[in-house]
Amino acid sequence: MYTVKMSTDASYEALLSTLHRVDLLSRRVADQQLNRHLGVGRAVFLILDLVSDADPSGISQRAIADHIGLTKAAVSRHVATAQQGGWLVAKPSAASRRENTVTITAAGRRLVERGRRHRAEAAREAMGALGRREMTAATDTLGRLAGLLEQRLRA
């Protein structure tokens, strides 16, 4: 079990350290589970999930990169993988010759639905292990921390 020794003066650092560890582990687990159950990695699934909720006319690769926090080059590689799998279609954008617009295929939608069912099951398992009160408290705390960090970015 992962524990962090915490004193009053180190509680902020301990929170950030724990948050970093949770982020790393959640990414690794998601990648492992999505590969096992869907045959795609986390980044490809995030792109498919985002595109499935986008306007039917598509979404630009730049918007995908901005939303998910990946570089445009990484998004291009993942979109190419998804195209090879038959889950996405990328075409030159009508708005800009330098951009591609990405749309999802029927096979991509089916994959996203399977992934969302898997994600819902993982959420039920977490809720069972932690309980609603603890999940709500953690969400509230992390929401306030995110607000503080956003203020620091704007300052």
Protein backbone atom coordinates (compact mmCIF):
# COMPACT_ATOMS: atom_id res chain seq x y z
CA MET A 1 0.00 0.00 0.00
CA TYR A 2 1.22 3.48 -0.87
CA THR A 3 1.36 5.88 2.06
CA VAL A 4 2.72 9.38 2.44
CA LYS A 5 4.06 10.69 5.73
CA MET A 6 2.50 14.06 6.25
CA SER A 7 3.23 16.92 8.59
CA THR A 8 1.33 20.18 8.55
CA ASP A 9 4.09 21.98 6.68
CA ALA A 10 4.43 19.19 4.09
CA SER A 11 0.74 18.44 3.50
CA TYR A 12 0.58 20.37 0.22
CA GLU A 13 3.65 18.59 -1.13
CA ALA A 14 2.24 15.24 0.04
CA LEU A 15 -1.06 15.95 -1.70
CA LEU A 16 0.67 16.84 -4.97
CA SER A 17 2.95 13.80 -4.69
CA THR A 18 -0.02 11.50 -4.11
CA LEU A 19 -1.97 13.15 -6.91
CA HIS A 20 0.98 12.65 -9.27
CA ARG A 21 1.20 8.96 -8.31
CA VAL A 22 -2.55 8.48 -8.78
CA ASP A 23 -2.35 10.17 -12.19
CA LEU A 24 0.51 7.91 -13.32
CA LEU A 25 -1.16 4.77 -12.04
CA SER A 26 -4.55 5.66 -13.50
CA ARG A 27 -2.96 6.23 -16.91
CA ARG A 28 -1.08 2.93 -16.74
CA VAL A 29 -4.12 0.96 -15.59
CA ALA A 30 -6.33 2.59 -18.24
CA ASP A 31 -3.79 1.80 -20.95
CA GLN A 32 -3.45 -1.81 -19.78
CA GLN A 33 -7.20 -2.39 -19.41
CA LEU A 34 -8.16 -0.71 -22.68
CA ASN A 35 -5.53 -2.70 -24.55
CA ARG A 36 -6.75 -5.91 -22.93
CA HIS A 37 -10.48 -5.29 -23.48
CA LEU A 38 -10.58 -3.16 -26.65
CA GLY A 39 -7.23 -3.59 -28.33
CA VAL A 40 -6.45 0.14 -28.21
CA GLY A 41 -4.39 2.28 -25.88
CA ARG A 42 -5.62 5.06 -23.64
CA ALA A 43 -4.68 7.91 -25.99
CA VAL A 44 -6.47 6.37 -28.97
CA PHE A 45 -9.53 5.71 -26.83
CA LEU A 46 -9.56 9.30 -25.50
CA ILE A 47 -9.45 10.60 -29.06
CA LEU A 48 -12.24 8.25 -30.19
CA ASP A 49 -14.33 9.21 -27.15
CA LEU A 50 -13.86 12.93 -27.83
CA VAL A 51 -14.59 12.65 -31.55
CA SER A 52 -17.71 10.56 -30.88
CA ASP A 53 -19.18 13.48 -28.91
CA ALA A 54 -18.04 16.15 -31.39
CA ASP A 55 -20.12 17.85 -34.04
CA PRO A 56 -21.00 15.31 -36.76
CA SER A 57 -19.05 17.44 -39.26
CA GLY A 58 -15.90 16.57 -37.30
CA ILE A 59 -13.28 18.13 -35.06
CA SER A 60 -9.82 19.42 -35.93
CA GLN A 61 -6.71 17.58 -34.84
CA ARG A 62 -5.57 20.80 -33.15
CA ALA A 63 -8.76 20.88 -31.05
CA ILE A 64 -8.20 17.24 -30.11
CA ALA A 65 -4.62 18.01 -29.05
CA ASP A 66 -5.73 21.02 -27.00
CA HIS A 67 -8.53 19.13 -25.30
CA ILE A 68 -6.59 15.98 -24.45
CA GLY A 69 -3.25 17.64 -23.72
CA LEU A 70 -1.21 15.86 -26.37
CA THR A 71 1.03 17.36 -29.02
CA LYS A 72 -0.31 17.71 -32.55
CA ALA A 73 2.30 15.18 -33.69
CA ALA A 74 1.10 12.63 -31.12
CA VAL A 75 -2.52 13.21 -32.12
CA SER A 76 -1.56 12.71 -35.78
CA ARG A 77 0.07 9.36 -34.95
CA HIS A 78 -2.92 8.21 -32.88
CA VAL A 79 -5.40 9.35 -35.52
CA ALA A 80 -3.41 7.39 -38.14
CA THR A 81 -3.62 4.30 -35.90
CA ALA A 82 -7.38 4.81 -35.51
CA GLN A 83 -7.76 5.24 -39.27
CA GLN A 84 -5.91 1.96 -39.84
CA GLY A 85 -8.31 0.31 -37.39
CA GLY A 86 -11.28 1.70 -39.31
CA TRP A 87 -12.48 3.82 -36.36
CA LEU A 88 -11.77 7.35 -37.64
CA VAL A 89 -11.64 9.24 -40.93
CA ALA A 90 -9.39 12.30 -41.34
CA LYS A 91 -9.93 14.69 -44.24
CA PRO A 92 -8.53 18.12 -45.08
CA SER A 93 -10.55 20.79 -43.31
CA ALA A 94 -12.84 23.04 -45.30
CA ALA A 95 -11.78 25.91 -43.02
CA SER A 96 -8.01 25.52 -43.33
CA ARG A 97 -5.74 23.67 -45.74
CA ARG A 98 -3.27 23.18 -42.89
CA GLU A 99 -5.77 21.30 -40.72
CA ASN A 100 -7.46 17.92 -40.86
CA THR A 101 -11.01 17.33 -39.69
CA VAL A 102 -11.60 14.03 -37.95
CA THR A 103 -14.90 12.10 -37.86
CA ILE A 104 -15.77 8.77 -36.29
CA THR A 105 -16.97 5.69 -38.14
CA ALA A 106 -19.71 3.27 -37.07
CA ALA A 107 -16.99 0.82 -35.97
CA GLY A 108 -15.41 3.62 -33.93
CA ARG A 109 -18.73 4.35 -32.21
CA ARG A 110 -19.11 0.68 -31.29
CA LEU A 111 -15.60 0.66 -29.82
CA VAL A 112 -16.35 3.81 -27.81
CA GLU A 113 -19.55 2.27 -26.41
CA ARG A 114 -17.63 -0.83 -25.32
CA GLY A 115 -15.00 1.40 -23.71
CA ARG A 116 -17.60 3.48 -21.91
CA ARG A 117 -19.20 0.33 -20.49
CA HIS A 118 -15.78 -0.78 -19.27
CA ARG A 119 -15.17 2.67 -17.72
CA ALA A 120 -18.55 2.53 -15.95
CA GLU A 121 -17.65 -0.86 -14.49
CA ALA A 122 -14.32 0.50 -13.23
CA ALA A 123 -16.20 3.42 -11.64
CA ARG A 124 -18.58 1.02 -9.87
CA GLU A 125 -15.59 -0.94 -8.54
CA ALA A 126 -13.95 2.24 -7.24
CA MET A 127 -17.19 3.38 -5.63
CA GLY A 128 -17.54 -0.01 -3.95
CA ALA A 129 -13.98 0.11 -2.65
CA LEU A 130 -14.01 3.73 -1.47
CA GLY A 131 -17.66 4.56 -0.83
CA ARG A 132 -19.73 7.53 -1.93
CA ARG A 133 -18.73 9.81 0.97
CA GLU A 134 -15.00 9.35 0.40
CA MET A 135 -15.35 9.75 -3.38
CA THR A 136 -17.36 12.94 -2.92
CA ALA A 137 -14.88 14.37 -0.40
CA ALA A 138 -11.91 13.58 -2.67
CA THR A 139 -13.68 15.13 -5.66
CA ASP A 140 -14.50 18.28 -3.69
CA THR A 141 -10.92 18.62 -2.43
CA LEU A 142 -9.39 18.08 -5.86
CA GLY A 143 -11.87 20.50 -7.40
CA ARG A 144 -10.82 23.21 -4.96
CA LEU A 145 -7.14 22.43 -5.62
CA ALA A 146 -7.75 22.69 -9.38
CA GLY A 147 -9.40 26.08 -8.82
CA LEU A 148 -6.39 27.28 -6.83
CA LEU A 149 -3.96 26.10 -9.51
CA GLU A 150 -6.05 27.74 -12.27
CA GLN A 151 -5.90 31.03 -10.34
CA ARG A 152 -2.12 30.70 -10.16
CA LEU A 153 -1.94 30.14 -13.91
CA ARG A 154 -3.96 33.30 -14.56
CA ALA A 155 -1.90 35.40 -12.11
